[in-house]
Amino acid sequence: MALSNLKTFFKQEKTYLYFALAIITLWVLPYFVLLNQAHMRIQDNLDSNISWYKVLNDSGQLFGSIHANIPQIINGHLSRNAYYSEYYGIIELFRFFPPVIAYGFNEAITRFVAFFGMYLLLKNYVIKNGDQGIIRVAAALTFSLTPFWPSGMLSTLGMPLALWAFLNLRYRIKMWQSWITITLLPFYSTFMLGFFFFLSAMGVFWLIEVIKTKKAQLRLFFSILYMTLIYLAIEYREVVSLLFSHEKTNRSEFNESKNNLMVTIELVFKNYFLGHNQDQTFYPFVIFPTALLALILVIFQKRWRQEKLFIGLHLANFLLSVWYSFWWYDAWEPLKQKISILNTFNFSRYHYLRPMIIYILFAVSLQILWQFNKKWRILAVLFALLQVAVLVPSNEQIYYRHSPSFGQFYAVKEFNDIKKFIHKPVQDYRVVSIGLHPAIAQYNGLYTLDTYNNFYPLSYKHEFRKIIAPELAKNQAMRDYFDQWGGRCYIFDSELGNHYLFSKNSSKVIKNLDLNIQALKQMGGDYILSSVPIKNANENSLQLQKVFNSKDAYWRIYLYKVI
C-alpha cells in the first residue's frame, strides 16, 4: 500500500464506524435467525434469569405489591421482590416479545450502546487527535464485543456512556444530552449489580475535583445524587427488602470469606488476568502485551508525567483485583459476622469497573504505540485487529455450540407431554428436579419446591435441607456449598455433585440415592424429574411412572412419583 493511500486509510473514521456497526449487527443477528436453535450462556442465564422473566409474567405479579409472593416457586414463599423491578427495560422486552427475540434485542441494545458510549468517551476525553479515529473505533468495537452477563444489561458496558455524560456535566458540555443519558441509563442497567460501584467511584472523583479546584462542584455532585435516586426509585423492591424486611433470608448464612492469605494472593493474579465470569475482558492475550509494550515505551521515553492517565489506569486495574481478592480473605469474617450488610451485599464487585478501565487502557496503549513512530501505527492497528479476532470465539453461538440450544434446554414439547401424563392442574402438585436445573420445570409452568434464587426465606432453606441432609452428609464440599450459600436450593446427589447437564445420551446412573422422602412429602413433593435413572428408586419410596424422550429436547426425563 502506498504511503499516501495508507494516510487516507487512517483518516477514514466514518468508514470505520460503518464497518464496526456492521460487525456488531452480524454478532447479534443469529438470535433473530436461529430463534429456538440459538445457543446462549447457561450459568446465571438459562438456569435462572430467563426462566424468572417468564415465571414473573405468568404469575400476574409483575406489578404486585411489595408484600406479594410468587405462588409457583417454593410453595409460594418466594417474594415478588426477589425478581427484577417492573421498570427494567429487559423485563419489558420479555413481556412483549418471544424469549429469544427479547434476548436478541437485549444483546443488540447493550452492544450498540456500549460501542457508542466508549467511542464518545474516547473521542471527547481520551483520544482526541483527528488522525487516530481508527484507534477510537477499534477500542470501542472490541469493548462492545466482550462477553457480559445478559441480565445485567448495561450494568458494566454502559459505564463509559455514563462517564462521558458526567464529564460533560462537569465541564458544561452537551448538557441536555448528558442529563437525558443519566436519566435513561438506570432503566436499562442495575444498581446493586453494577452502577452502585460506578457511582460510588464517581463520588470519589467528585471529592478529588473539590480538593483540586477548591470549589464545591455542586453540579457534578447533584448529577451523581440524581442518578442514584433514580436507581433507588426503580429498585424500590430490593431497597425495601434489604432495609425494612425483618425476615431472615438465605443471604444471612452467606460465608464466603474463607480464603487463606496464599489463596488470596493467587486470586489477585487470577482475577487480574482472567477476570470474573460476569465481566470477562479477554485481557491477557492481546491487551496485556500491548499495555506492557506501551509501558516500556513510556519508561524508555521518560514520559511519566505526560502519561498520568495511562499509569493511573494500570494501577486501578491491578488494585481492583487486589480489592476483589482480599474481600474473600478469611480475616474479614469476624467483622462480616458483626455487620450484616457486609454479608448481604457483595462489596467485592468493584471489579465491574474493570472492563471500562481495561479497554480505555487498551485505547491509550494503542495511542502510545501510534505516537512513538509512524511505522508503529501498523503495529497498533494489528493489535486492534488481533483483539477482535480473540473475541470472535466468545460469541455465544461459537462458545456454547456444544451446549443445548435454547429450545433443547427448555424442552417445551417434552414437558407438555409430562404435564399431559400427570393430567392434573399444575397448581395441584409439586415437583423437584435431579440432574437438571429447576428453572426448566419452572419455565414450563410446573410448581417447584426447588429453585435458584439468592433471596428467599432462611426458614425455607432449613426446611428444604432436611430432604437432602443424607446426601449432604456424604460430601463436605457439597454440604458447604449449600450451607454457606444456598442460592441453589436443589436436590443434591453426591454421585452427581454440582452438575446439572446430563443429556439423553449420558450413561450416568444414580446407584445409591438417599433422600429424606418423609420431609419431601411434608413439603408437598409429589414427583421427581430426573435426567438420569435412579437404580434404588424403590428404597426411596419412588415409583417410576414413565420415561420421556423428545427428539427436540436435550434431556431424557425419568418421572418418579413419591409414594
Protein backbone atom coordinates (compact mmCIF):
# COMPACT_ATOMS: atom_id res chain seq x y z
CA MET A 1 0.00 0.00 0.00
CA ALA A 2 1.42 3.40 -0.99
CA LEU A 3 2.17 5.85 1.82
CA SER A 4 -0.49 8.30 0.57
CA ASN A 5 -3.10 5.53 0.48
CA LEU A 6 -2.10 4.47 3.99
CA LYS A 7 -2.60 8.02 5.26
CA THR A 8 -6.02 8.18 3.61
CA PHE A 9 -6.96 4.83 5.15
CA PHE A 10 -6.06 6.03 8.64
CA LYS A 11 -8.23 9.15 8.24
CA GLN A 12 -11.45 7.44 7.15
CA GLU A 13 -13.12 7.42 10.55
CA LYS A 14 -16.66 7.31 9.18
CA THR A 15 -15.79 4.16 7.22
CA TYR A 16 -14.50 2.52 10.38
CA LEU A 17 -17.73 3.41 12.17
CA TYR A 18 -19.86 1.77 9.48
CA PHE A 19 -17.60 -1.27 9.49
CA ALA A 20 -17.81 -1.59 13.29
CA LEU A 21 -21.61 -1.27 13.27
CA ALA A 22 -21.79 -3.99 10.61
CA ILE A 23 -19.70 -6.33 12.78
CA ILE A 24 -21.95 -5.73 15.82
CA THR A 25 -25.01 -6.38 13.65
CA LEU A 26 -23.57 -9.68 12.45
CA TRP A 27 -22.67 -10.51 16.06
CA VAL A 28 -26.28 -10.33 17.27
CA LEU A 29 -28.05 -11.45 14.07
CA PRO A 30 -28.06 -15.23 14.85
CA TYR A 31 -30.61 -14.80 17.66
CA PHE A 32 -33.14 -13.46 15.16
CA VAL A 33 -32.31 -16.09 12.53
CA LEU A 34 -31.84 -19.23 14.63
CA LEU A 35 -34.58 -18.45 17.19
CA ASN A 36 -35.02 -21.53 19.43
CA GLN A 37 -31.94 -23.12 17.90
CA ALA A 38 -29.79 -20.24 19.16
CA HIS A 39 -27.16 -21.01 21.77
CA MET A 40 -26.58 -18.90 24.85
CA ARG A 41 -24.98 -18.87 28.24
CA ILE A 42 -26.44 -21.30 30.79
CA GLN A 43 -24.95 -20.15 34.12
CA ASP A 44 -26.89 -17.24 35.64
CA ASN A 45 -28.91 -17.05 32.44
CA LEU A 46 -30.84 -20.06 31.10
CA ASP A 47 -30.65 -21.73 34.53
CA SER A 48 -32.24 -18.72 36.21
CA ASN A 49 -32.99 -15.28 34.79
CA ILE A 50 -34.64 -16.27 31.51
CA SER A 51 -36.98 -18.57 33.41
CA TRP A 52 -37.61 -15.90 36.05
CA TYR A 53 -38.91 -13.46 33.44
CA LYS A 54 -41.44 -15.99 32.19
CA VAL A 55 -42.49 -17.03 35.70
CA LEU A 56 -42.92 -13.38 36.65
CA ASN A 57 -45.02 -12.58 33.59
CA ASP A 58 -47.16 -15.71 34.09
CA SER A 59 -47.63 -15.07 37.82
CA GLY A 60 -49.76 -11.97 37.42
CA GLN A 61 -47.49 -10.29 39.99
CA LEU A 62 -45.40 -8.16 37.65
CA PHE A 63 -46.90 -5.07 39.26
CA GLY A 64 -47.69 -6.82 42.53
CA SER A 65 -47.23 -5.14 45.89
CA ILE A 66 -44.02 -5.31 47.92
CA HIS A 67 -45.77 -7.95 50.04
CA ALA A 68 -46.72 -10.18 47.09
CA ASN A 69 -45.31 -13.68 46.59
CA ILE A 70 -44.82 -15.93 43.55
CA PRO A 71 -47.15 -18.96 44.02
CA GLN A 72 -45.30 -21.17 41.52
CA ILE A 73 -41.97 -21.19 43.40
CA ILE A 74 -41.10 -22.88 46.74
CA ASN A 75 -44.70 -23.21 47.89
CA GLY A 76 -45.36 -19.50 47.44
CA HIS A 77 -42.61 -18.44 49.86
CA LEU A 78 -40.63 -16.59 47.19
CA SER A 79 -41.19 -12.86 47.47
CA ARG A 80 -42.09 -10.86 44.37
CA ASN A 81 -39.21 -8.62 45.45
CA ALA A 82 -36.73 -11.42 44.68
CA TYR A 83 -37.27 -10.70 40.97
CA TYR A 84 -36.38 -7.61 38.96
CA SER A 85 -38.32 -4.37 39.15
CA GLU A 86 -41.09 -3.95 36.61
CA TYR A 87 -39.36 -0.77 35.41
CA TYR A 88 -36.32 -2.55 33.96
CA GLY A 89 -36.08 -2.49 30.20
CA ILE A 90 -35.24 -6.19 29.96
CA ILE A 91 -38.47 -7.05 31.80
CA GLU A 92 -40.43 -5.15 29.18
CA LEU A 93 -38.61 -6.91 26.34
CA PHE A 94 -39.53 -10.33 27.74
CA ARG A 95 -43.03 -9.11 28.40
CA PHE A 96 -43.76 -8.15 24.79
CA PHE A 97 -41.51 -10.40 22.68
CA PRO A 98 -40.84 -14.15 22.43
CA PRO A 99 -37.91 -15.05 24.71
CA VAL A 100 -35.16 -15.49 22.10
CA ILE A 101 -36.21 -12.32 20.26
CA ALA A 102 -36.23 -10.42 23.55
CA TYR A 103 -32.80 -11.85 24.32
CA GLY A 104 -31.53 -10.79 20.90
CA PHE A 105 -32.84 -7.25 21.35
CA ASN A 106 -31.14 -7.11 24.75
CA GLU A 107 -27.85 -8.17 23.16
CA ALA A 108 -28.23 -5.61 20.39
CA ILE A 109 -29.19 -2.71 22.66
CA THR A 110 -26.36 -3.44 25.07
CA ARG A 111 -23.65 -3.84 22.46
CA PHE A 112 -24.60 -0.84 20.32
CA VAL A 113 -24.87 1.44 23.37
CA ALA A 114 -21.56 0.06 24.67
CA PHE A 115 -19.92 0.88 21.36
CA PHE A 116 -21.21 4.44 21.11
CA GLY A 117 -20.59 5.10 24.80
CA MET A 118 -16.93 4.08 24.61
CA TYR A 119 -16.47 5.82 21.27
CA LEU A 120 -17.84 9.14 22.59
CA LEU A 121 -15.78 8.88 25.77
CA LEU A 122 -12.59 8.25 23.82
CA LYS A 123 -13.31 10.89 21.17
CA ASN A 124 -14.19 13.67 23.60
CA TYR A 125 -11.87 12.96 26.52
CA VAL A 126 -9.15 10.40 25.80
CA ILE A 127 -8.10 10.02 22.13
CA LYS A 128 -8.81 13.49 20.77
CA ASN A 129 -6.41 13.66 17.83
CA GLY A 130 -8.17 13.69 14.49
CA ASP A 131 -5.85 11.19 12.80
CA GLN A 132 -6.45 8.49 15.46
CA GLY A 133 -10.03 7.63 14.60
CA ILE A 134 -9.13 4.03 13.88
CA ILE A 135 -7.95 3.65 17.49
CA ARG A 136 -11.17 5.11 18.89
CA VAL A 137 -13.34 2.88 16.74
CA ALA A 138 -11.27 -0.27 17.28
CA ALA A 139 -11.18 0.13 21.07
CA ALA A 140 -14.92 0.87 21.18
CA LEU A 141 -15.68 -2.12 18.94
CA THR A 142 -13.63 -4.58 21.00
CA PHE A 143 -15.20 -3.26 24.19
CA SER A 144 -18.70 -3.77 22.76
CA LEU A 145 -17.94 -7.39 21.80
CA THR A 146 -16.78 -8.51 25.25
CA PRO A 147 -18.89 -11.19 26.97
CA PHE A 148 -21.24 -9.73 29.55
CA TRP A 149 -23.87 -11.01 31.93
CA PRO A 150 -27.03 -10.64 29.78
CA SER A 151 -29.45 -9.79 32.59
CA GLY A 152 -27.07 -7.08 33.76
CA MET A 153 -27.98 -5.17 30.58
CA LEU A 154 -25.78 -2.05 30.58
CA SER A 155 -24.58 -2.51 34.16
CA THR A 156 -20.96 -2.79 33.02
CA LEU A 157 -20.99 -1.98 29.31
CA GLY A 158 -22.96 1.24 29.92
CA MET A 159 -20.34 2.75 32.23
CA PRO A 160 -18.34 4.56 29.50
CA LEU A 161 -21.50 6.33 28.33
CA ALA A 162 -22.31 7.34 31.90
CA LEU A 163 -18.75 8.59 32.46
CA TRP A 164 -18.99 10.59 29.22
CA ALA A 165 -22.20 12.20 30.47
CA PHE A 166 -20.79 13.06 33.92
CA LEU A 167 -17.64 14.57 32.39
CA ASN A 168 -19.85 16.65 30.10
CA LEU A 169 -21.78 17.92 33.10
CA ARG A 170 -18.55 18.62 34.94
CA TYR A 171 -17.23 20.75 32.06
CA ARG A 172 -20.61 22.21 30.94
CA ILE A 173 -20.63 20.44 27.57
CA LYS A 174 -23.67 18.89 25.82
CA MET A 175 -25.75 19.43 28.91
CA TRP A 176 -29.20 18.26 27.81
CA GLN A 177 -27.83 15.14 26.09
CA SER A 178 -25.98 14.27 29.28
CA TRP A 179 -28.98 14.78 31.57
CA ILE A 180 -31.08 12.56 29.27
CA THR A 181 -28.32 9.92 29.34
CA ILE A 182 -28.10 9.68 33.13
CA THR A 183 -31.91 9.72 33.33
CA LEU A 184 -32.43 6.82 30.94
CA LEU A 185 -29.47 4.58 31.78
CA PRO A 186 -30.94 3.42 35.13
CA PHE A 187 -33.89 1.88 33.28
CA TYR A 188 -31.51 -0.41 31.38
CA SER A 189 -28.91 -1.32 34.00
CA THR A 190 -28.83 -2.39 37.61
CA PHE A 191 -27.76 -0.52 40.73
CA MET A 192 -26.88 -3.38 43.07
CA LEU A 193 -25.10 -5.37 40.36
CA GLY A 194 -23.25 -2.60 38.58
CA PHE A 195 -23.87 1.09 38.98
CA PHE A 196 -23.60 1.27 42.77
CA PHE A 197 -19.89 0.68 42.26
CA PHE A 198 -19.62 3.14 39.39
CA LEU A 199 -21.49 5.90 41.23
CA SER A 200 -19.51 5.44 44.42
CA ALA A 201 -16.35 5.71 42.31
CA MET A 202 -17.80 8.89 40.78
CA GLY A 203 -18.27 10.13 44.33
CA VAL A 204 -14.53 9.72 44.88
CA PHE A 205 -13.90 11.57 41.60
CA TRP A 206 -16.16 14.41 42.79
CA LEU A 207 -14.22 14.65 46.06
CA ILE A 208 -10.90 14.78 44.20
CA GLU A 209 -12.28 17.54 41.97
CA VAL A 210 -13.39 19.50 45.03
CA ILE A 211 -9.91 19.23 46.55
CA LYS A 212 -8.17 20.11 43.28
CA THR A 213 -10.33 23.08 42.34
CA LYS A 214 -11.27 24.19 45.88
CA LYS A 215 -14.85 24.53 44.62
CA ALA A 216 -17.94 22.59 45.69
CA GLN A 217 -18.60 21.20 42.18
CA LEU A 218 -22.30 21.12 43.02
CA ARG A 219 -23.47 20.32 39.50
CA LEU A 220 -21.38 17.15 39.47
CA PHE A 221 -22.47 16.26 42.99
CA PHE A 222 -26.17 16.70 42.27
CA SER A 223 -25.95 14.80 38.97
CA ILE A 224 -24.45 11.81 40.82
CA LEU A 225 -27.13 12.09 43.50
CA TYR A 226 -29.85 12.46 40.85
CA MET A 227 -28.84 9.24 39.07
CA THR A 228 -28.57 7.41 42.39
CA LEU A 229 -32.09 8.46 43.39
CA ILE A 230 -33.49 7.24 40.06
CA TYR A 231 -31.89 3.84 40.68
CA LEU A 232 -33.29 3.67 44.21
CA ALA A 233 -36.76 4.56 42.90
CA ILE A 234 -36.58 1.87 40.20
CA GLU A 235 -35.21 -0.75 42.60
CA TYR A 236 -37.63 0.13 45.40
CA ARG A 237 -38.45 -3.54 45.91
CA GLU A 238 -34.87 -4.53 46.68
CA VAL A 239 -34.34 -1.44 48.81
CA VAL A 240 -37.40 -2.28 50.90
CA SER A 241 -36.35 -5.91 51.24
CA LEU A 242 -32.79 -5.09 52.27
CA LEU A 243 -33.56 -2.25 54.66
CA PHE A 244 -37.01 -2.91 56.10
CA SER A 245 -37.63 -6.66 55.98
CA HIS A 246 -37.18 -8.37 59.34
CA GLU A 247 -37.40 -11.91 57.95
CA LYS A 248 -34.05 -13.63 57.67
CA THR A 249 -33.15 -14.85 54.19
CA ASN A 250 -30.65 -17.35 52.85
CA ARG A 251 -28.22 -14.44 52.47
CA SER A 252 -27.92 -14.42 56.27
CA GLU A 253 -25.85 -17.61 56.06
CA PHE A 254 -23.50 -16.46 53.32
CA ASN A 255 -19.99 -17.34 54.39
CA GLU A 256 -17.65 -16.73 51.52
CA SER A 257 -14.63 -15.10 53.21
CA LYS A 258 -12.73 -18.31 53.75
CA ASN A 259 -9.55 -17.96 51.68
CA ASN A 260 -6.20 -18.00 53.47
CA LEU A 261 -3.50 -15.47 52.58
CA MET A 262 -1.79 -17.63 49.96
CA VAL A 263 -5.06 -18.44 48.16
CA THR A 264 -5.99 -14.74 48.33
CA ILE A 265 -2.73 -13.68 46.69
CA GLU A 266 -3.20 -16.32 43.98
CA LEU A 267 -6.72 -14.98 43.40
CA VAL A 268 -5.32 -11.47 42.87
CA PHE A 269 -3.43 -12.61 39.79
CA LYS A 270 -6.15 -14.97 38.62
CA ASN A 271 -8.66 -12.14 38.66
CA TYR A 272 -6.18 -9.69 37.16
CA PHE A 273 -5.54 -11.86 34.12
CA LEU A 274 -8.74 -13.89 33.74
CA GLY A 275 -11.35 -11.62 35.32
CA HIS A 276 -14.71 -12.68 36.70
CA ASN A 277 -17.29 -14.73 34.78
CA GLN A 278 -19.71 -11.78 34.78
CA ASP A 279 -17.26 -9.21 33.36
CA GLN A 280 -14.84 -11.06 31.12
CA THR A 281 -12.45 -8.82 29.19
CA PHE A 282 -10.13 -11.25 27.37
CA TYR A 283 -7.34 -9.12 28.79
CA PRO A 284 -4.22 -11.36 28.80
CA PHE A 285 -3.94 -12.34 25.14
CA VAL A 286 -3.53 -9.01 23.34
CA ILE A 287 -4.39 -6.11 25.65
CA PHE A 288 -1.87 -7.01 28.36
CA PRO A 289 1.09 -7.36 25.93
CA THR A 290 0.02 -4.13 24.21
CA ALA A 291 -0.23 -2.25 27.52
CA LEU A 292 3.10 -3.74 28.67
CA LEU A 293 4.84 -2.68 25.45
CA ALA A 294 3.36 0.81 25.82
CA LEU A 295 4.58 0.91 29.43
CA ILE A 296 8.11 0.03 28.27
CA LEU A 297 7.95 2.88 25.75
CA VAL A 298 6.77 5.31 28.42
CA ILE A 299 9.65 4.25 30.68
CA PHE A 300 12.12 4.44 27.77
CA GLN A 301 10.96 7.93 26.83
CA LYS A 302 10.61 9.06 30.47
CA ARG A 303 7.05 10.24 29.81
CA TRP A 304 5.66 9.51 33.28
CA ARG A 305 4.15 12.96 33.77
CA GLN A 306 2.67 13.18 30.27
CA GLU A 307 1.02 9.76 30.63
CA LYS A 308 -0.66 10.12 34.02
CA LEU A 309 -3.92 8.62 32.72
CA PHE A 310 -2.07 5.61 31.32
CA ILE A 311 -0.24 4.96 34.61
CA GLY A 312 -3.41 5.54 36.62
CA LEU A 313 -5.34 3.01 34.53
CA HIS A 314 -2.63 0.40 35.08
CA LEU A 315 -2.74 0.94 38.84
CA ALA A 316 -6.55 0.99 39.02
CA ASN A 317 -6.77 -2.22 37.04
CA PHE A 318 -4.44 -4.05 39.42
CA LEU A 319 -5.84 -2.54 42.63
CA LEU A 320 -9.38 -3.58 41.71
CA SER A 321 -8.17 -7.18 41.50
CA VAL A 322 -6.48 -6.78 44.88
CA TRP A 323 -9.72 -5.45 46.39
CA TYR A 324 -11.78 -8.25 44.86
CA SER A 325 -9.44 -10.95 46.10
CA PHE A 326 -9.00 -9.65 49.64
CA TRP A 327 -12.77 -9.37 50.06
CA TRP A 328 -12.74 -13.18 50.32
CA TYR A 329 -9.83 -13.21 52.77
CA ASP A 330 -10.80 -15.09 55.94
CA ALA A 331 -9.58 -12.26 58.18
CA TRP A 332 -12.73 -10.35 57.16
CA GLU A 333 -15.11 -12.98 58.52
CA PRO A 334 -15.36 -11.81 62.18
CA LEU A 335 -16.25 -8.30 61.00
CA LYS A 336 -18.76 -9.64 58.46
CA GLN A 337 -20.48 -11.62 61.21
CA LYS A 338 -20.90 -8.45 63.26
CA ILE A 339 -22.02 -6.16 60.42
CA SER A 340 -24.75 -7.95 58.47
CA ILE A 341 -24.64 -5.75 55.36
CA LEU A 342 -21.08 -6.97 54.70
CA ASN A 343 -22.60 -10.43 54.22
CA THR A 344 -25.82 -9.49 52.46
CA PHE A 345 -24.16 -7.08 50.00
CA ASN A 346 -21.16 -8.10 47.91
CA PHE A 347 -18.72 -5.19 48.05
CA SER A 348 -16.12 -7.14 46.06
CA ARG A 349 -17.94 -6.18 42.87
CA TYR A 350 -15.90 -3.08 42.20
CA HIS A 351 -14.33 -5.41 39.64
CA TYR A 352 -17.33 -4.45 37.47
CA LEU A 353 -15.35 -1.28 36.70
CA ARG A 354 -12.52 -3.29 35.11
CA PRO A 355 -13.98 -3.76 31.58
CA MET A 356 -14.24 0.01 31.12
CA ILE A 357 -10.81 0.62 32.64
CA ILE A 358 -9.12 -2.15 30.65
CA TYR A 359 -10.48 -1.02 27.29
CA ILE A 360 -9.63 2.63 27.94
CA LEU A 361 -6.16 1.34 28.85
CA PHE A 362 -6.12 -0.56 25.55
CA ALA A 363 -7.03 2.60 23.63
CA VAL A 364 -4.37 4.68 25.39
CA SER A 365 -1.78 1.92 24.84
CA LEU A 366 -2.56 1.89 21.12
CA GLN A 367 -2.23 5.66 21.08
CA ILE A 368 1.22 5.47 22.69
CA LEU A 369 2.34 3.00 20.03
CA TRP A 370 0.80 5.19 17.33
CA GLN A 371 2.65 8.30 18.51
CA PHE A 372 6.01 6.59 19.04
CA ASN A 373 6.79 6.10 15.39
CA LYS A 374 4.84 6.25 12.13
CA LYS A 375 5.93 2.72 11.31
CA TRP A 376 4.41 1.56 14.60
CA ARG A 377 0.95 2.69 13.51
CA ILE A 378 0.54 -0.51 11.54
CA LEU A 379 1.51 -2.43 14.69
CA ALA A 380 -1.17 -0.57 16.66
CA VAL A 381 -3.79 -1.45 14.04
CA LEU A 382 -2.59 -5.06 14.05
CA PHE A 383 -3.04 -5.30 17.83
CA ALA A 384 -6.56 -3.91 17.50
CA LEU A 385 -7.45 -6.47 14.82
CA LEU A 386 -5.93 -9.27 16.89
CA GLN A 387 -8.16 -8.33 19.84
CA VAL A 388 -11.22 -8.54 17.58
CA ALA A 389 -10.01 -11.98 16.46
CA VAL A 390 -9.53 -13.04 20.09
CA LEU A 391 -13.09 -12.02 20.90
CA VAL A 392 -14.74 -13.85 17.99
CA PRO A 393 -14.75 -17.28 19.74
CA SER A 394 -16.58 -15.69 22.69
CA ASN A 395 -19.68 -15.17 20.55
CA GLU A 396 -22.36 -17.33 22.18
CA GLN A 397 -23.14 -19.26 19.01
CA ILE A 398 -19.50 -20.38 18.91
CA TYR A 399 -18.59 -20.61 22.58
CA TYR A 400 -21.72 -22.56 23.60
CA ARG A 401 -22.11 -24.56 20.39
CA HIS A 402 -21.65 -27.85 22.29
CA SER A 403 -24.24 -26.90 24.92
CA PRO A 404 -28.01 -27.30 24.44
CA SER A 405 -29.73 -24.65 22.37
CA PHE A 406 -32.50 -22.55 23.88
CA GLY A 407 -35.18 -24.93 22.58
CA GLN A 408 -33.31 -28.06 23.61
CA PHE A 409 -32.66 -26.70 27.10
CA TYR A 410 -36.24 -25.78 27.97
CA ALA A 411 -37.70 -28.80 26.10
CA VAL A 412 -41.23 -27.36 25.92
CA LYS A 413 -42.78 -30.27 23.98
CA GLU A 414 -41.28 -32.85 26.34
CA PHE A 415 -42.61 -31.03 29.38
CA ASN A 416 -46.01 -30.63 27.77
CA ASP A 417 -46.05 -34.42 27.44
CA ILE A 418 -45.14 -34.74 31.13
CA LYS A 419 -47.96 -32.41 32.16
CA LYS A 420 -50.43 -34.30 29.98
CA PHE A 421 -49.34 -37.58 31.52
CA ILE A 422 -49.75 -36.33 35.08
CA HIS A 423 -53.13 -34.99 33.99
CA LYS A 424 -53.74 -32.63 36.90
CA PRO A 425 -53.78 -28.84 37.16
CA VAL A 426 -50.13 -27.79 37.67
CA GLN A 427 -51.00 -25.88 40.86
CA ASP A 428 -52.25 -29.12 42.47
CA TYR A 429 -48.88 -30.88 42.68
CA ARG A 430 -45.22 -30.05 43.35
CA VAL A 431 -42.09 -31.32 41.62
CA VAL A 432 -38.35 -31.29 42.24
CA SER A 433 -35.54 -31.99 39.77
CA ILE A 434 -32.40 -34.13 39.88
CA GLY A 435 -29.63 -33.76 37.30
CA LEU A 436 -31.22 -30.75 35.62
CA HIS A 437 -32.00 -27.20 36.67
CA PRO A 438 -35.36 -26.48 38.36
CA ALA A 439 -35.62 -23.44 36.07
CA ILE A 440 -36.61 -25.80 33.25
CA ALA A 441 -39.66 -27.08 35.11
CA GLN A 442 -40.47 -23.52 36.19
CA TYR A 443 -40.21 -22.21 32.62
CA ASN A 444 -42.73 -24.87 31.61
CA GLY A 445 -45.22 -23.79 34.27
CA LEU A 446 -44.65 -26.52 36.87
CA TYR A 447 -44.77 -25.66 40.56
CA THR A 448 -41.40 -26.45 42.14
CA LEU A 449 -40.10 -26.92 45.66
CA ASP A 450 -36.54 -26.34 44.44
CA THR A 451 -35.19 -23.14 42.93
CA TYR A 452 -32.21 -20.96 42.14
CA ASN A 453 -32.60 -17.64 43.94
CA ASN A 454 -30.33 -15.52 46.11
CA PHE A 455 -33.16 -14.09 48.16
CA TYR A 456 -35.65 -16.44 49.83
CA PRO A 457 -36.62 -17.18 53.45
CA LEU A 458 -33.94 -18.79 55.59
CA SER A 459 -36.62 -20.88 57.25
CA TYR A 460 -37.44 -22.45 53.86
CA LYS A 461 -33.77 -23.25 53.26
CA HIS A 462 -33.61 -25.08 56.60
CA GLU A 463 -36.82 -26.97 55.89
CA PHE A 464 -35.66 -27.98 52.41
CA ARG A 465 -32.30 -29.06 53.80
CA LYS A 466 -33.99 -31.92 55.67
CA ILE A 467 -34.77 -33.54 52.30
CA ILE A 468 -31.15 -33.59 51.14
CA ALA A 469 -29.45 -33.94 54.55
CA PRO A 470 -28.48 -37.63 53.99
CA GLU A 471 -26.83 -36.73 50.66
CA LEU A 472 -25.10 -33.65 52.07
CA ALA A 473 -23.64 -35.82 54.83
CA LYS A 474 -21.77 -37.81 52.16
CA ASN A 475 -19.95 -34.86 50.61
CA GLN A 476 -18.42 -31.99 52.59
CA ALA A 477 -17.83 -29.74 49.56
CA MET A 478 -21.46 -30.08 48.54
CA ARG A 479 -22.56 -29.55 52.17
CA ASP A 480 -20.55 -26.33 52.42
CA TYR A 481 -21.88 -25.21 49.03
CA PHE A 482 -25.44 -25.46 50.29
CA ASP A 483 -24.99 -24.41 53.92
CA GLN A 484 -22.70 -21.45 53.28
CA TRP A 485 -24.55 -20.16 50.25
CA GLY A 486 -27.77 -21.95 49.37
CA GLY A 487 -28.62 -19.92 46.29
CA ARG A 488 -29.12 -23.22 44.51
CA CYS A 489 -31.83 -24.81 46.63
CA TYR A 490 -31.54 -28.06 44.66
CA ILE A 491 -31.99 -31.78 45.28
CA PHE A 492 -28.31 -32.57 45.51
CA ASP A 493 -26.96 -36.06 44.97
CA SER A 494 -23.40 -36.92 46.00
CA GLU A 495 -22.91 -39.10 42.91
CA LEU A 496 -23.80 -36.28 40.54
CA GLY A 497 -22.17 -33.46 42.51
CA ASN A 498 -22.73 -29.90 41.32
CA HIS A 499 -23.53 -30.96 37.77
CA TYR A 500 -26.90 -30.43 36.13
CA LEU A 501 -26.36 -31.12 32.42
CA PHE A 502 -26.90 -34.84 31.84
CA SER A 503 -28.12 -35.24 28.29
CA LYS A 504 -30.26 -38.04 26.87
CA ASN A 505 -27.00 -39.60 25.65
CA SER A 506 -25.49 -39.74 29.11
CA SER A 507 -24.71 -43.14 30.60
CA LYS A 508 -24.73 -41.77 34.15
CA VAL A 509 -26.85 -43.68 36.69
CA ILE A 510 -27.63 -42.86 40.32
CA LYS A 511 -26.97 -46.03 42.28
CA ASN A 512 -27.37 -45.01 45.91
CA LEU A 513 -29.74 -42.06 46.24
CA ASP A 514 -30.54 -41.31 49.88
CA LEU A 515 -33.23 -38.69 50.44
CA ASN A 516 -35.46 -37.92 53.38
CA ILE A 517 -38.65 -38.71 51.50
CA GLN A 518 -40.82 -38.03 54.54
CA ALA A 519 -39.54 -34.43 54.60
CA LEU A 520 -40.23 -34.19 50.86
CA LYS A 521 -43.80 -35.38 51.43
CA GLN A 522 -44.33 -32.92 54.27
CA MET A 523 -43.38 -30.09 51.95
CA GLY A 524 -45.89 -31.34 49.38
CA GLY A 525 -43.50 -33.05 46.97
CA ASP A 526 -45.34 -35.34 44.54
CA TYR A 527 -42.93 -36.01 41.68
CA ILE A 528 -39.22 -36.09 40.92
CA LEU A 529 -37.95 -35.23 37.44
CA SER A 530 -34.57 -36.85 36.89
CA SER A 531 -32.31 -36.62 33.86
CA VAL A 532 -30.69 -39.95 34.83
CA PRO A 533 -32.19 -43.24 36.05
CA ILE A 534 -32.31 -43.89 39.81
CA LYS A 535 -31.41 -47.55 40.45
CA ASN A 536 -32.57 -47.64 44.06
CA ALA A 537 -35.78 -45.68 43.48
CA ASN A 538 -37.90 -48.20 45.43
CA GLU A 539 -35.72 -47.80 48.54
CA ASN A 540 -36.52 -44.08 48.42
CA SER A 541 -40.28 -44.67 48.04
CA LEU A 542 -40.13 -43.55 44.42
CA GLN A 543 -42.03 -45.23 41.63
CA LEU A 544 -41.02 -44.76 38.01
CA GLN A 545 -44.04 -43.56 36.05
CA LYS A 546 -42.66 -43.06 32.56
CA VAL A 547 -39.55 -42.08 30.62
CA PHE A 548 -39.96 -39.08 28.32
CA ASN A 549 -37.70 -38.63 25.31
CA SER A 550 -38.37 -35.97 22.69
CA LYS A 551 -36.12 -35.54 19.66
CA ASP A 552 -36.13 -31.76 20.16
CA ALA A 553 -35.08 -31.94 23.82
CA TYR A 554 -31.62 -32.21 25.35
CA TRP A 555 -32.92 -34.40 28.16
CA ARG A 556 -34.38 -37.82 28.73
CA ILE A 557 -36.69 -37.26 31.70
CA TYR A 558 -37.43 -40.04 34.18
CA LEU A 559 -40.66 -39.20 36.00
CA TYR A 560 -40.82 -40.66 39.51
CA LYS A 561 -43.86 -40.46 41.76
CA VAL A 562 -43.37 -40.05 45.51
CA ILE A 563 -45.33 -42.87 47.17
